[in-house]
């Protein structure tokens, strides 16, 4: 599954994974202390993906962490 992961500072990465992080999981990305997942959106619409300029990337989940 292809995921767009972004943080409160606007940094974002696209990750490919067999699992989806849950709210409350910590991710080893961006900075220390490790950010915690605060929001998960599965199967985002084209309109939502356009907000991130990711409508052509076949993203299946959007993960926000803080």
N, C-alpha and C. Protein backbone atom coordinates (compact mmCIF):
# COMPACT_ATOMS: atom_id res chain seq x y z
N UNK A 1 0.85 -1.17 0.00
CA UNK A 1 0.00 0.00 0.00
C UNK A 1 0.90 1.23 0.00
N UNK A 2 0.57 2.19 -0.83
CA UNK A 2 1.34 3.43 -0.93
C UNK A 2 0.70 4.48 -0.02
N UNK A 3 1.54 5.08 0.85
CA UNK A 3 1.05 6.05 1.84
C UNK A 3 1.80 7.36 1.73
N UNK A 4 1.09 8.45 1.95
CA UNK A 4 1.68 9.76 2.09
C UNK A 4 1.73 10.05 3.59
N UNK A 5 2.93 10.25 4.12
CA UNK A 5 3.12 10.53 5.55
C UNK A 5 3.64 11.95 5.66
N UNK A 6 2.96 12.78 6.47
CA UNK A 6 3.42 14.15 6.66
C UNK A 6 3.33 14.55 8.12
N UNK A 7 4.11 15.58 8.49
CA UNK A 7 4.13 16.03 9.88
C UNK A 7 3.63 17.46 10.00
N UNK A 8 3.63 17.97 11.22
CA UNK A 8 3.07 19.30 11.49
C UNK A 8 3.90 20.42 10.88
N UNK A 9 5.13 20.13 10.46
CA UNK A 9 5.98 21.14 9.85
C UNK A 9 5.86 21.16 8.33
N UNK A 10 5.02 20.29 7.78
CA UNK A 10 4.81 20.24 6.34
C UNK A 10 5.75 19.31 5.59
N UNK A 11 6.63 18.62 6.30
CA UNK A 11 7.50 17.64 5.66
C UNK A 11 6.68 16.42 5.30
N UNK A 12 6.91 15.86 4.13
CA UNK A 12 6.15 14.70 3.71
C UNK A 12 7.01 13.71 2.96
N UNK A 13 6.66 12.43 3.08
CA UNK A 13 7.33 11.37 2.32
C UNK A 13 6.27 10.38 1.84
N UNK A 14 6.59 9.70 0.78
CA UNK A 14 5.72 8.64 0.28
C UNK A 14 6.40 7.32 0.62
N UNK A 15 5.67 6.46 1.31
CA UNK A 15 6.19 5.17 1.75
C UNK A 15 5.33 4.05 1.18
N UNK A 16 5.96 2.94 0.90
CA UNK A 16 5.27 1.72 0.48
C UNK A 16 5.36 0.74 1.64
N UNK A 17 4.22 0.18 2.06
CA UNK A 17 4.20 -0.72 3.21
C UNK A 17 3.05 -1.71 3.11
N UNK A 18 3.24 -2.85 3.76
CA UNK A 18 2.17 -3.85 3.85
C UNK A 18 1.23 -3.58 5.01
N UNK A 19 1.67 -2.72 5.94
CA UNK A 19 0.84 -2.40 7.10
C UNK A 19 0.57 -0.90 7.13
N UNK A 20 -0.49 -0.52 7.82
CA UNK A 20 -0.85 0.88 7.99
C UNK A 20 -0.66 1.24 9.45
N UNK A 21 0.06 2.32 9.76
CA UNK A 21 0.19 2.73 11.15
C UNK A 21 -1.16 3.13 11.72
N UNK A 22 -1.34 2.84 13.00
CA UNK A 22 -2.58 3.21 13.70
C UNK A 22 -2.36 4.51 14.46
N UNK A 23 -3.45 5.17 14.80
CA UNK A 23 -3.37 6.36 15.64
C UNK A 23 -2.70 5.96 16.95
N UNK A 24 -1.70 6.72 17.33
CA UNK A 24 -0.94 6.43 18.55
C UNK A 24 0.38 5.75 18.29
N UNK A 25 0.57 5.16 17.11
CA UNK A 25 1.85 4.53 16.77
C UNK A 25 2.91 5.61 16.58
N UNK A 26 4.15 5.27 16.93
CA UNK A 26 5.27 6.18 16.72
C UNK A 26 5.98 5.79 15.43
N UNK A 27 6.41 6.80 14.67
CA UNK A 27 7.10 6.56 13.40
C UNK A 27 8.54 7.03 13.51
N UNK A 28 9.43 6.26 12.97
CA UNK A 28 10.85 6.63 12.98
C UNK A 28 11.15 7.45 11.73
N UNK A 29 10.55 8.63 11.68
CA UNK A 29 10.70 9.56 10.56
C UNK A 29 10.86 10.98 11.08
N UNK A 30 11.49 11.82 10.30
CA UNK A 30 11.53 13.26 10.44
C UNK A 30 12.42 13.77 11.57
N UNK A 31 12.16 13.45 12.83
CA UNK A 31 12.87 14.09 13.93
C UNK A 31 12.76 13.27 15.21
N UNK A 32 13.49 13.69 16.23
CA UNK A 32 13.39 13.12 17.58
C UNK A 32 12.84 14.19 18.50
N UNK A 33 12.03 13.88 19.48
CA UNK A 33 11.46 12.58 19.76
C UNK A 33 10.57 12.13 18.60
N UNK A 34 10.42 10.84 18.47
CA UNK A 34 9.69 10.27 17.35
C UNK A 34 8.25 10.79 17.30
N UNK A 35 7.79 11.18 16.13
CA UNK A 35 6.41 11.67 16.01
C UNK A 35 5.39 10.54 16.16
N UNK A 36 4.22 10.90 16.64
CA UNK A 36 3.12 9.95 16.86
C UNK A 36 2.03 10.19 15.82
N UNK A 37 1.47 9.12 15.30
CA UNK A 37 0.39 9.21 14.32
C UNK A 37 -0.84 9.80 15.01
N UNK A 38 -1.41 10.85 14.40
CA UNK A 38 -2.59 11.50 14.97
C UNK A 38 -3.83 11.33 14.09
N UNK A 39 -3.61 10.98 12.81
CA UNK A 39 -4.75 10.87 11.90
C UNK A 39 -4.40 9.92 10.75
N UNK A 40 -5.36 9.08 10.38
CA UNK A 40 -5.20 8.15 9.26
C UNK A 40 -6.42 8.28 8.36
N UNK A 41 -6.19 8.52 7.07
CA UNK A 41 -7.27 8.59 6.09
C UNK A 41 -7.02 7.49 5.06
N UNK A 42 -7.92 6.53 5.00
CA UNK A 42 -7.80 5.45 4.03
C UNK A 42 -8.58 5.78 2.77
N UNK A 43 -8.04 5.36 1.64
CA UNK A 43 -8.66 5.55 0.33
C UNK A 43 -9.14 6.99 0.13
N UNK A 44 -8.21 7.95 0.19
CA UNK A 44 -8.59 9.35 0.02
C UNK A 44 -9.15 9.63 -1.38
N UNK A 45 -10.04 10.59 -1.46
CA UNK A 45 -10.64 10.97 -2.73
C UNK A 45 -9.64 11.77 -3.57
N UNK A 46 -9.94 11.90 -4.85
CA UNK A 46 -9.09 12.70 -5.74
C UNK A 46 -9.01 14.15 -5.26
N UNK A 47 -10.12 14.68 -4.75
CA UNK A 47 -10.14 16.06 -4.26
C UNK A 47 -9.20 16.23 -3.08
N UNK A 48 -9.21 15.27 -2.16
CA UNK A 48 -8.32 15.34 -0.99
C UNK A 48 -6.87 15.24 -1.42
N UNK A 49 -6.57 14.35 -2.36
CA UNK A 49 -5.19 14.19 -2.84
C UNK A 49 -4.70 15.43 -3.57
N UNK A 50 -5.60 16.15 -4.24
CA UNK A 50 -5.21 17.38 -4.92
C UNK A 50 -4.73 18.43 -3.93
N UNK A 51 -5.24 18.41 -2.71
CA UNK A 51 -4.78 19.34 -1.67
C UNK A 51 -3.29 19.15 -1.38
N UNK A 52 -2.79 17.94 -1.60
CA UNK A 52 -1.39 17.62 -1.34
C UNK A 52 -0.57 17.51 -2.63
N UNK A 53 -1.16 17.86 -3.76
CA UNK A 53 -0.54 17.69 -5.07
C UNK A 53 -0.11 16.25 -5.29
N UNK A 54 -0.93 15.31 -4.86
CA UNK A 54 -0.60 13.88 -4.96
C UNK A 54 -1.67 13.11 -5.72
N UNK A 55 -2.48 13.81 -6.51
CA UNK A 55 -3.60 13.15 -7.18
C UNK A 55 -3.16 12.18 -8.28
N UNK A 56 -1.94 12.24 -8.75
CA UNK A 56 -1.46 11.35 -9.80
C UNK A 56 -0.56 10.23 -9.25
N UNK A 57 -0.44 10.11 -7.93
CA UNK A 57 0.53 9.19 -7.34
C UNK A 57 -0.05 7.87 -6.84
N UNK A 58 -1.34 7.64 -7.00
CA UNK A 58 -1.98 6.39 -6.56
C UNK A 58 -1.79 6.13 -5.06
N UNK A 59 -1.99 7.17 -4.26
CA UNK A 59 -1.87 7.07 -2.80
C UNK A 59 -3.12 6.39 -2.26
N UNK A 60 -2.93 5.43 -1.34
CA UNK A 60 -4.06 4.70 -0.76
C UNK A 60 -4.33 5.07 0.69
N UNK A 61 -3.41 5.82 1.32
CA UNK A 61 -3.61 6.25 2.70
C UNK A 61 -2.84 7.54 2.94
N UNK A 62 -3.40 8.41 3.77
CA UNK A 62 -2.72 9.63 4.20
C UNK A 62 -2.53 9.52 5.71
N UNK A 63 -1.30 9.69 6.16
CA UNK A 63 -0.96 9.56 7.58
C UNK A 63 -0.42 10.89 8.06
N UNK A 64 -1.03 11.44 9.12
CA UNK A 64 -0.53 12.69 9.72
C UNK A 64 0.07 12.36 11.07
N UNK A 65 1.22 12.96 11.36
CA UNK A 65 1.84 12.70 12.67
C UNK A 65 2.35 14.02 13.26
N UNK A 66 2.43 14.03 14.58
CA UNK A 66 2.91 15.20 15.32
C UNK A 66 3.86 14.75 16.39
